[in-house]
C-alpha atoms as a PDB file:
ATOM      1  CA  MET A   1     127.235 138.568 168.261  1.00  0.00           C
ATOM      2  CA  ILE A   2     123.740 137.862 166.952  1.00  0.00           C
ATOM      3  CA  SER A   3     123.548 134.426 165.375  1.00  0.00           C
ATOM      4  CA  ASN A   4     122.213 133.761 161.884  1.00  0.00           C
ATOM      5  CA  ARG A   5     119.605 131.434 163.371  1.00  0.00           C
ATOM      6  CA  PHE A   6     118.241 134.259 165.530  1.00  0.00           C
ATOM      7  CA  ILE A   7     118.048 136.620 162.554  1.00  0.00           C
ATOM      8  CA  THR A   8     116.337 133.990 160.401  1.00  0.00           C
ATOM      9  CA  SER A   9     113.770 133.146 163.068  1.00  0.00           C
ATOM     10  CA  THR A  10     113.055 136.825 163.689  1.00  0.00           C
ATOM     11  CA  PHE A  11     112.390 137.502 160.004  1.00  0.00           C
ATOM     12  CA  GLN A  12     110.229 134.384 159.860  1.00  0.00           C
ATOM     13  CA  ARG A  13     108.078 135.594 162.774  1.00  0.00           C
ATOM     14  CA  ILE A  14     107.743 139.028 161.213  1.00  0.00           C
ATOM     15  CA  SER A  15     106.754 137.464 157.882  1.00  0.00           C
ATOM     16  CA  ASN A  16     104.148 135.236 159.521  1.00  0.00           C
ATOM     17  CA  ALA A  17     102.704 138.158 161.465  1.00  0.00           C
ATOM     18  CA  ALA A  18     102.502 140.286 158.318  1.00  0.00           C
ATOM     19  CA  ASP A  19     100.775 137.476 156.462  1.00  0.00           C
ATOM     20  CA  ARG A  20      98.216 137.082 159.255  1.00  0.00           C
ATOM     21  CA  HIS A  21      97.452 140.781 159.388  1.00  0.00           C
ATOM     22  CA  PHE A  22      97.770 141.793 155.740  1.00  0.00           C
ATOM     23  CA  GLY A  23      97.398 138.564 153.755  1.00  0.00           C
ATOM     24  CA  GLY A  24      93.629 138.668 153.978  1.00  0.00           C
ATOM     25  CA  ILE A  25      93.596 142.306 152.886  1.00  0.00           C
ATOM     26  CA  VAL A  26      95.736 141.546 149.838  1.00  0.00           C
ATOM     27  CA  ARG A  27      93.522 138.631 148.870  1.00  0.00           C
ATOM     28  CA  ARG A  28      90.441 140.771 149.364  1.00  0.00           C
ATOM     29  CA  ILE A  29      91.851 143.499 147.124  1.00  0.00           C
ATOM     30  CA  GLY A  30      92.621 140.878 144.478  1.00  0.00           C
ATOM     31  CA  GLU A  31      89.092 139.500 144.655  1.00  0.00           C
ATOM     32  CA  ILE A  32      87.599 142.989 144.371  1.00  0.00           C
ATOM     33  CA  PHE A  33      89.806 143.746 141.344  1.00  0.00           C
ATOM     34  CA  VAL A  34      88.766 140.549 139.564  1.00  0.00           C
ATOM     35  CA  ILE A  35      85.085 141.172 140.300  1.00  0.00           C
ATOM     36  CA  ARG A  36      85.255 144.787 139.135  1.00  0.00           C
ATOM     37  CA  LEU A  37      87.121 143.740 135.987  1.00  0.00           C
ATOM     38  CA  ALA A  38      84.497 141.092 135.222  1.00  0.00           C
ATOM     39  CA  ILE A  39      81.655 143.582 135.776  1.00  0.00           C
ATOM     40  CA  ARG A  40      83.324 146.213 133.603  1.00  0.00           C
ATOM     41  CA  THR A  41      83.987 143.680 130.845  1.00  0.00           C
ATOM     42  CA  ALA A  42      80.368 142.496 130.922  1.00  0.00           C
ATOM     43  CA  LYS A  43      79.159 146.112 130.731  1.00  0.00           C
ATOM     44  CA  GLU A  44      81.434 146.863 127.777  1.00  0.00           C
ATOM     45  CA  ILE A  45      80.220 143.724 126.002  1.00  0.00           C
ATOM     46  CA  SER A  46      76.617 144.794 126.532  1.00  0.00           C
ATOM     47  CA  ASP A  47      77.155 148.454 125.577  1.00  0.00           C
ATOM     48  CA  ASP A  48      79.073 147.582 122.400  1.00  0.00           C
ATOM     49  CA  ASP A  49      76.540 144.900 121.412  1.00  0.00           C
ATOM     50  CA  VAL A  50      79.339 142.353 121.106  1.00  0.00           C
ATOM     51  CA  SER A  51      76.977 139.380 120.807  1.00  0.00           C
ATOM     52  CA  HIS A  52      75.462 140.753 117.593  1.00  0.00           C
ATOM     53  CA  MET A  53      78.846 141.789 116.219  1.00  0.00           C
ATOM     54  CA  ALA A  54      80.122 138.265 116.882  1.00  0.00           C
ATOM     55  CA  ALA A  55      77.175 136.884 114.913  1.00  0.00           C
ATOM     56  CA  GLY A  56      78.169 139.071 111.968  1.00  0.00           C
ATOM     57  CA  VAL A  57      81.786 137.956 112.167  1.00  0.00           C
ATOM     58  CA  ALA A  58      80.652 134.312 112.358  1.00  0.00           C
ATOM     59  CA  TYR A  59      78.580 134.809 109.192  1.00  0.00           C
ATOM     60  CA  TYR A  60      81.618 136.049 107.293  1.00  0.00           C
ATOM     61  CA  ALA A  61      83.746 133.329 108.892  1.00  0.00           C
ATOM     62  CA  LEU A  62      81.465 130.668 107.439  1.00  0.00           C
ATOM     63  CA  PHE A  63      82.406 131.864 103.951  1.00  0.00           C
ATOM     64  CA  SER A  64      85.972 132.954 104.725  1.00  0.00           C
ATOM     65  CA  LEU A  65      87.596 130.512 107.096  1.00  0.00           C
ATOM     66  CA  PHE A  66      86.806 127.423 105.065  1.00  0.00           C
ATOM     67  CA  PRO A  67      88.444 128.776 101.878  1.00  0.00           C
ATOM     68  CA  LEU A  68      91.391 129.666 104.102  1.00  0.00           C
ATOM     69  CA  LEU A  69      91.555 126.068 105.285  1.00  0.00           C
ATOM     70  CA  LEU A  70      90.968 124.734 101.777  1.00  0.00           C
ATOM     71  CA  GLY A  71      93.804 126.860 100.419  1.00  0.00           C
ATOM     72  CA  LEU A  72      96.131 125.521 103.090  1.00  0.00           C
ATOM     73  CA  ILE A  73      95.133 121.947 102.292  1.00  0.00           C
ATOM     74  CA  ALA A  74      95.572 122.562  98.561  1.00  0.00           C
ATOM     75  CA  ILE A  75      99.125 123.834  99.068  1.00  0.00           C
ATOM     76  CA  LEU A  76     100.045 121.002 101.410  1.00  0.00           C
ATOM     77  CA  SER A  77      98.442 118.440  99.108  1.00  0.00           C
ATOM     78  CA  PHE A  78     101.446 118.775  96.777  1.00  0.00           C
ATOM     79  CA  PHE A  79     103.472 117.071  99.520  1.00  0.00           C
ATOM     80  CA  LEU A  80     100.861 114.668 100.932  1.00  0.00           C
ATOM     81  CA  GLU A  81     100.845 111.146  99.597  1.00  0.00           C
ATOM     82  CA  SER A  82      99.956 108.787 102.444  1.00  0.00           C
ATOM     83  CA  GLY A  83      96.666 108.498 104.250  1.00  0.00           C
ATOM     84  CA  GLU A  84      98.538 108.784 107.541  1.00  0.00           C
ATOM     85  CA  ILE A  85      99.715 112.317 106.766  1.00  0.00           C
ATOM     86  CA  GLN A  86      96.232 113.293 105.596  1.00  0.00           C
ATOM     87  CA  SER A  87      94.812 112.054 108.885  1.00  0.00           C
ATOM     88  CA  GLN A  88      97.274 114.350 110.667  1.00  0.00           C
ATOM     89  CA  VAL A  89      95.863 117.297 108.716  1.00  0.00           C
ATOM     90  CA  ILE A  90      92.357 116.314 109.792  1.00  0.00           C
ATOM     91  CA  GLU A  91      93.480 115.962 113.398  1.00  0.00           C
ATOM     92  CA  LEU A  92      95.222 119.337 113.386  1.00  0.00           C
ATOM     93  CA  THR A  93      92.383 121.259 111.756  1.00  0.00           C
ATOM     94  CA  GLY A  94      89.830 119.419 113.871  1.00  0.00           C
ATOM     95  CA  GLY A  95      91.623 120.795 116.906  1.00  0.00           C
ATOM     96  CA  PHE A  96      90.771 124.326 115.789  1.00  0.00           C
ATOM     97  CA  LEU A  97      87.398 123.550 114.179  1.00  0.00           C
ATOM     98  CA  PRO A  98      85.691 120.971 116.430  1.00  0.00           C
ATOM     99  CA  GLY A  99      82.999 118.919 114.722  1.00  0.00           C
ATOM    100  CA  SER A 100      84.104 119.747 111.170  1.00  0.00           C
ATOM    101  CA  GLU A 101      86.291 116.694 110.540  1.00  0.00           C
ATOM    102  CA  LEU A 102      83.929 115.299 107.871  1.00  0.00           C
ATOM    103  CA  LEU A 103      84.012 118.547 105.913  1.00  0.00           C
ATOM    104  CA  VAL A 104      87.801 118.593 106.126  1.00  0.00           C
ATOM    105  CA  GLN A 105      88.038 114.971 104.991  1.00  0.00           C
ATOM    106  CA  ASP A 106      85.850 115.563 101.929  1.00  0.00           C
ATOM    107  CA  ASN A 107      87.890 118.558 100.845  1.00  0.00           C
ATOM    108  CA  ILE A 108      91.209 116.829 101.398  1.00  0.00           C
ATOM    109  CA  ASP A 109      90.078 114.112  98.999  1.00  0.00           C
ATOM    110  CA  ALA A 110      89.023 116.741  96.460  1.00  0.00           C
ATOM    111  CA  ALA A 111      92.252 118.734  96.865  1.00  0.00           C
ATOM    112  CA  VAL A 112      94.484 115.699  96.410  1.00  0.00           C
ATOM    113  CA  GLY A 113      92.434 114.606  93.398  1.00  0.00           C
ATOM    114  CA  VAL A 114      92.800 117.876  91.455  1.00  0.00           C
ATOM    115  CA  ARG A 115      95.962 119.402  92.840  1.00  0.00           C
ATOM    116  CA  GLY A 116      97.004 121.865  90.161  1.00  0.00           C
ATOM    117  CA  ALA A 117      93.804 123.785  89.431  1.00  0.00           C
ATOM    118  CA  LEU A 118      92.482 123.621  92.960  1.00  0.00           C
ATOM    119  CA  GLY A 119      95.784 124.723  94.412  1.00  0.00           C
ATOM    120  CA  LEU A 120      95.962 127.896  92.317  1.00  0.00           C
ATOM    121  CA  PHE A 121      92.340 128.953  92.678  1.00  0.00           C
ATOM    122  CA  SER A 122      92.213 128.010  96.347  1.00  0.00           C
ATOM    123  CA  VAL A 123      95.148 130.256  97.184  1.00  0.00           C
ATOM    124  CA  ILE A 124      93.461 133.151  95.365  1.00  0.00           C
ATOM    125  CA  GLY A 125      90.159 132.343  97.043  1.00  0.00           C
ATOM    126  CA  MET A 126      91.887 132.058 100.393  1.00  0.00           C
ATOM    127  CA  LEU A 127      93.145 135.624 100.162  1.00  0.00           C
ATOM    128  CA  TRP A 128      89.982 137.240  98.864  1.00  0.00           C
ATOM    129  CA  ALA A 129      87.458 135.252 100.854  1.00  0.00           C
ATOM    130  CA  GLY A 130      89.628 135.300 103.953  1.00  0.00           C
ATOM    131  CA  SER A 131      89.858 139.073 103.791  1.00  0.00           C
ATOM    132  CA  ALA A 132      86.086 139.333 104.270  1.00  0.00           C
ATOM    133  CA  VAL A 133      86.183 137.988 107.814  1.00  0.00           C
ATOM    134  CA  PHE A 134      89.070 140.309 108.662  1.00  0.00           C
ATOM    135  CA  GLY A 135      87.056 143.218 107.323  1.00  0.00           C
ATOM    136  CA  ALA A 136      84.236 142.269 109.689  1.00  0.00           C
ATOM    137  CA  LEU A 137      86.733 141.927 112.534  1.00  0.00           C
ATOM    138  CA  ASN A 138      88.197 145.320 111.676  1.00  0.00           C
ATOM    139  CA  ARG A 139      84.825 147.049 111.947  1.00  0.00           C
ATOM    140  CA  SER A 140      83.859 145.172 115.112  1.00  0.00           C
ATOM    141  CA  ILE A 141      87.123 145.864 116.940  1.00  0.00           C
ATOM    142  CA  ASN A 142      86.942 149.535 115.947  1.00  0.00           C
ATOM    143  CA  ARG A 143      83.513 149.687 117.553  1.00  0.00           C
ATOM    144  CA  ALA A 144      84.738 147.856 120.665  1.00  0.00           C
ATOM    145  CA  TRP A 145      87.559 150.393 120.963  1.00  0.00           C
ATOM    146  CA  ASP A 146      85.167 153.321 120.330  1.00  0.00           C
ATOM    147  CA  ILE A 147      86.916 154.198 117.062  1.00  0.00           C
ATOM    148  CA  GLN A 148      84.458 156.056 114.855  1.00  0.00           C
ATOM    149  CA  THR A 149      86.127 155.814 111.444  1.00  0.00           C
ATOM    150  CA  ASP A 150      87.387 152.845 109.424  1.00  0.00           C
ATOM    151  CA  ARG A 151      90.344 152.809 107.088  1.00  0.00           C
ATOM    152  CA  PRO A 152      89.681 153.738 103.464  1.00  0.00           C
ATOM    153  CA  LEU A 153      89.394 150.830 101.048  1.00  0.00           C
ATOM    154  CA  TYR A 154      92.836 151.304  99.498  1.00  0.00           C
ATOM    155  CA  LYS A 155      94.427 151.002 102.957  1.00  0.00           C
ATOM    156  CA  GLY A 156      92.095 148.526 104.608  1.00  0.00           C
ATOM    157  CA  LYS A 157      91.874 145.874 101.897  1.00  0.00           C
ATOM    158  CA  PRO A 158      95.637 145.229 101.533  1.00  0.00           C
ATOM    159  CA  ARG A 159      95.914 144.938 105.301  1.00  0.00           C
ATOM    160  CA  GLN A 160      93.066 142.423 105.369  1.00  0.00           C
ATOM    161  CA  LEU A 161      94.655 140.400 102.568  1.00  0.00           C
ATOM    162  CA  LEU A 162      97.973 140.417 104.396  1.00  0.00           C
ATOM    163  CA  MET A 163      96.280 139.192 107.571  1.00  0.00           C
ATOM    164  CA  ALA A 164      94.656 136.321 105.662  1.00  0.00           C
ATOM    165  CA  LEU A 165      98.022 135.350 104.180  1.00  0.00           C
ATOM    166  CA  THR A 166      99.736 135.590 107.572  1.00  0.00           C
ATOM    167  CA  VAL A 167      97.157 133.355 109.235  1.00  0.00           C
ATOM    168  CA  GLY A 168      97.617 130.821 106.439  1.00  0.00           C
ATOM    169  CA  ILE A 169     101.388 130.848 106.987  1.00  0.00           C
ATOM    170  CA  LEU A 170     100.910 130.376 110.741  1.00  0.00           C
ATOM    171  CA  PHE A 171      98.695 127.362 110.127  1.00  0.00           C
ATOM    172  CA  ALA A 172     101.281 125.943 107.727  1.00  0.00           C
ATOM    173  CA  LEU A 173     104.008 126.377 110.349  1.00  0.00           C
ATOM    174  CA  SER A 174     101.798 124.719 112.933  1.00  0.00           C
ATOM    175  CA  PHE A 175     101.222 121.802 110.583  1.00  0.00           C
ATOM    176  CA  SER A 176     104.961 121.494 109.936  1.00  0.00           C
ATOM    177  CA  SER A 177     105.663 121.426 113.668  1.00  0.00           C
ATOM    178  CA  ALA A 178     103.006 118.763 114.189  1.00  0.00           C
ATOM    179  CA  THR A 179     104.483 116.687 111.358  1.00  0.00           C
ATOM    180  CA  VAL A 180     107.955 116.830 112.921  1.00  0.00           C
ATOM    181  CA  VAL A 181     106.556 115.721 116.283  1.00  0.00           C
ATOM    182  CA  ARG A 182     104.608 112.846 114.702  1.00  0.00           C
ATOM    183  CA  THR A 183     107.668 111.716 112.747  1.00  0.00           C
ATOM    184  CA  ALA A 184     109.824 111.740 115.885  1.00  0.00           C
ATOM    185  CA  GLU A 185     107.186 109.678 117.686  1.00  0.00           C
ATOM    186  CA  THR A 186     107.097 107.102 114.889  1.00  0.00           C
ATOM    187  CA  LEU A 187     110.882 106.761 114.626  1.00  0.00           C
ATOM    188  CA  SER A 188     111.437 106.496 118.368  1.00  0.00           C
ATOM    189  CA  ARG A 189     108.634 103.966 118.765  1.00  0.00           C
ATOM    190  CA  TYR A 190     110.170 101.841 116.016  1.00  0.00           C
ATOM    191  CA  ASP A 191     113.712 101.954 117.422  1.00  0.00           C
ATOM    192  CA  VAL A 192     113.082 101.911 121.196  1.00  0.00           C
ATOM    193  CA  PRO A 193     109.487 101.143 122.281  1.00  0.00           C
ATOM    194  CA  VAL A 194     109.925 102.558 125.794  1.00  0.00           C
ATOM    195  CA  LEU A 195     111.455 105.735 124.410  1.00  0.00           C
ATOM    196  CA  GLY A 196     108.597 105.908 121.924  1.00  0.00           C
ATOM    197  CA  LEU A 197     106.053 106.102 124.740  1.00  0.00           C
ATOM    198  CA  LEU A 198     108.001 108.908 126.387  1.00  0.00           C
ATOM    199  CA  VAL A 199     108.328 110.842 123.137  1.00  0.00           C
ATOM    200  CA  GLN A 200     104.610 110.358 122.521  1.00  0.00           C
ATOM    201  CA  GLN A 201     103.732 111.957 125.861  1.00  0.00           C
ATOM    202  CA  VAL A 202     106.135 114.827 125.268  1.00  0.00           C
ATOM    203  CA  GLY A 203     104.778 115.185 121.740  1.00  0.00           C
ATOM    204  CA  GLN A 204     101.222 115.585 123.006  1.00  0.00           C
ATOM    205  CA  ILE A 205     102.365 118.358 125.332  1.00  0.00           C
ATOM    206  CA  LEU A 206     104.221 120.061 122.484  1.00  0.00           C
ATOM    207  CA  LEU A 207     101.178 119.857 120.207  1.00  0.00           C
ATOM    208  CA  GLN A 208      99.023 121.482 122.875  1.00  0.00           C
ATOM    209  CA  GLY A 209     101.669 124.163 123.233  1.00  0.00           C
ATOM    210  CA  PHE A 210     101.762 124.744 119.464  1.00  0.00           C
ATOM    211  CA  SER A 211      97.982 125.097 119.448  1.00  0.00           C
ATOM    212  CA  PHE A 212      97.999 127.726 122.188  1.00  0.00           C
ATOM    213  CA  ILE A 213     100.911 129.652 120.657  1.00  0.00           C
ATOM    214  CA  LEU A 214      99.172 129.715 117.273  1.00  0.00           C
ATOM    215  CA  VAL A 215      95.929 131.049 118.753  1.00  0.00           C
ATOM    216  CA  LEU A 216      97.840 133.601 120.831  1.00  0.00           C
ATOM    217  CA  ALA A 217      99.778 134.786 117.767  1.00  0.00           C
ATOM    218  CA  ILE A 218      96.560 135.249 115.780  1.00  0.00           C
ATOM    219  CA  PHE A 219      94.925 137.191 118.623  1.00  0.00           C
ATOM    220  CA  LEU A 220      97.981 139.423 119.001  1.00  0.00           C
ATOM    221  CA  LEU A 221      98.149 140.167 115.276  1.00  0.00           C
ATOM    222  CA  ILE A 222      94.442 140.987 115.102  1.00  0.00           C
ATOM    223  CA  TYR A 223      94.548 143.281 118.144  1.00  0.00           C
ATOM    224  CA  LYS A 224      97.718 144.953 116.893  1.00  0.00           C
ATOM    225  CA  PHE A 225      96.963 145.575 113.226  1.00  0.00           C
ATOM    226  CA  MET A 226      93.178 145.548 112.836  1.00  0.00           C
ATOM    227  CA  PRO A 227      92.119 148.655 114.840  1.00  0.00           C
ATOM    228  CA  ASN A 228      92.218 151.949 112.976  1.00  0.00           C
ATOM    229  CA  THR A 229      94.501 153.546 115.558  1.00  0.00           C
ATOM    230  CA  LYS A 230      98.020 153.270 116.902  1.00  0.00           C
ATOM    231  CA  THR A 231      98.349 150.326 119.278  1.00  0.00           C
ATOM    232  CA  TYR A 232     101.012 149.227 121.728  1.00  0.00           C
ATOM    233  CA  TRP A 233     102.018 145.664 122.576  1.00  0.00           C
ATOM    234  CA  LYS A 234     101.982 146.324 126.317  1.00  0.00           C
ATOM    235  CA  TYR A 235      98.275 147.145 126.165  1.00  0.00           C
ATOM    236  CA  ILE A 236      97.099 144.334 123.905  1.00  0.00           C
ATOM    237  CA  TRP A 237      98.963 141.283 125.213  1.00  0.00           C
ATOM    238  CA  PRO A 238      96.860 140.833 128.414  1.00  0.00           C
ATOM    239  CA  GLY A 239      93.651 140.624 126.386  1.00  0.00           C
ATOM    240  CA  ALA A 240      95.327 138.358 123.833  1.00  0.00           C
ATOM    241  CA  VAL A 241      96.594 135.940 126.497  1.00  0.00           C
ATOM    242  CA  LEU A 242      93.218 135.876 128.241  1.00  0.00           C
ATOM    243  CA  GLY A 243      91.430 135.414 124.917  1.00  0.00           C
ATOM    244  CA  ALA A 244      93.722 132.551 123.889  1.00  0.00           C
ATOM    245  CA  LEU A 245      93.179 130.826 127.238  1.00  0.00           C
ATOM    246  CA  LEU A 246      89.412 131.245 126.953  1.00  0.00           C
ATOM    247  CA  PHE A 247      89.578 129.890 123.406  1.00  0.00           C
ATOM    248  CA  GLU A 248      91.324 126.711 124.572  1.00  0.00           C
ATOM    249  CA  VAL A 249      88.865 126.251 127.445  1.00  0.00           C
ATOM    250  CA  ALA A 250      85.872 126.895 125.178  1.00  0.00           C
ATOM    251  CA  LYS A 251      87.241 124.481 122.581  1.00  0.00           C
ATOM    252  CA  ASN A 252      87.423 121.640 125.083  1.00  0.00           C
ATOM    253  CA  LEU A 253      83.968 122.446 126.465  1.00  0.00           C
ATOM    254  CA  PHE A 254      82.601 122.582 122.921  1.00  0.00           C
ATOM    255  CA  ILE A 255      84.071 119.163 122.133  1.00  0.00           C
ATOM    256  CA  PHE A 256      82.586 117.834 125.378  1.00  0.00           C
ATOM    257  CA  TYR A 257      79.185 119.200 124.320  1.00  0.00           C
ATOM    258  CA  LEU A 258      79.388 117.741 120.814  1.00  0.00           C
ATOM    259  CA  GLU A 259      80.191 114.291 122.164  1.00  0.00           C
ATOM    260  CA  ARG A 260      77.050 114.269 124.308  1.00  0.00           C
ATOM    261  CA  SER A 261      74.482 116.221 122.309  1.00  0.00           C
ATOM    262  CA  THR A 262      71.857 114.991 119.826  1.00  0.00           C
ATOM    263  CA  TYR A 263      72.256 117.817 117.327  1.00  0.00           C
ATOM    264  CA  GLN A 264      72.517 115.379 114.398  1.00  0.00           C
ATOM    265  CA  SER A 265      68.898 114.305 114.830  1.00  0.00           C
ATOM    266  CA  ILE A 266      67.816 117.944 114.538  1.00  0.00           C
ATOM    267  CA  TYR A 267      69.874 119.296 111.633  1.00  0.00           C
ATOM    268  CA  GLY A 268      70.524 116.112 109.678  1.00  0.00           C
ATOM    269  CA  SER A 269      72.873 116.457 106.718  1.00  0.00           C
ATOM    270  CA  VAL A 270      73.653 120.132 107.382  1.00  0.00           C
ATOM    271  CA  THR A 271      74.901 119.371 110.892  1.00  0.00           C
ATOM    272  CA  PRO A 272      78.626 119.947 110.083  1.00  0.00           C
ATOM    273  CA  VAL A 273      77.823 123.411 108.709  1.00  0.00           C
ATOM    274  CA  ILE A 274      75.706 124.287 111.752  1.00  0.00           C
ATOM    275  CA  VAL A 275      78.435 123.089 114.098  1.00  0.00           C
ATOM    276  CA  LEU A 276      81.039 125.120 112.211  1.00  0.00           C
ATOM    277  CA  LEU A 277      78.843 128.232 112.351  1.00  0.00           C
ATOM    278  CA  LEU A 278      78.210 127.790 116.075  1.00  0.00           C
ATOM    279  CA  TRP A 279      81.913 127.409 116.806  1.00  0.00           C
ATOM    280  CA  ALA A 280      82.681 130.432 114.627  1.00  0.00           C
ATOM    281  CA  TYR A 281      80.230 132.443 116.741  1.00  0.00           C
ATOM    282  CA  VAL A 282      81.781 131.275 120.016  1.00  0.00           C
ATOM    283  CA  SER A 283      85.290 132.030 118.730  1.00  0.00           C
ATOM    284  CA  SER A 284      84.237 135.477 117.494  1.00  0.00           C
ATOM    285  CA  LEU A 285      82.613 136.239 120.834  1.00  0.00           C
ATOM    286  CA  ILE A 286      85.830 135.375 122.673  1.00  0.00           C
ATOM    287  CA  LEU A 287      87.950 137.356 120.210  1.00  0.00           C
ATOM    288  CA  LEU A 288      85.827 140.498 120.521  1.00  0.00           C
ATOM    289  CA  ALA A 289      85.519 140.167 124.294  1.00  0.00           C
ATOM    290  CA  GLY A 290      89.307 140.027 124.553  1.00  0.00           C
ATOM    291  CA  ALA A 291      89.551 143.221 122.517  1.00  0.00           C
END
């Protein structure tokens, strides 16, 4: 009778031989695929003039994304009393808008100071102003997908407003998750210091995960509902995942650049606006490239 050891060793030798003979071929095919995909993506970006479309989206984002953030802050300001919680809002939004912490801080103070009026008008402004950037994204993604016609106004505008509202809700959920994590860290650190350190490390990992999931959800929603054509999840999720990963990498590189650059000596008091516009352009470029 053939022993199990003999069978195992035989399969192991066959596996090693196959890896020696075919492993290099498989790796080579993978390398060729990645290279061809990168070349094709670069060609599509050039042919569709994505860099200029991203500049247009960034222009609208400068006027749209900040009202979206201000509306979120105005709503949350009804529940914010301590400076510690406000600092968490700054930290969270700063994670998505690197270099804009001062702008966020100023508007948090204003929102908390005049809650009622600012809350109502900010929510309205969030929807209308936020819809402008989604209109620009709609036109740009249609062009990237070679779609010649846009939706009529009576169909396109409600969809853009709904997207602005959805993004606001996602940010609110992200803030709520971050608040729960911070509260757990504080309680555990107070009760058991050693446990507090462990919870803090786990909390940082969870916050990074929340950030990625939020970006991925926004990319998926934009790719699914913005184009003026029928879309399928199985075709859009690879670009959304790649775009979300590139966004996280670009965000960290952008923060690294801001910490070491001398842009403040060039732009002076308008530096936060310039930084926000630059990051909006980078984000738009990644979003359109993923499409």
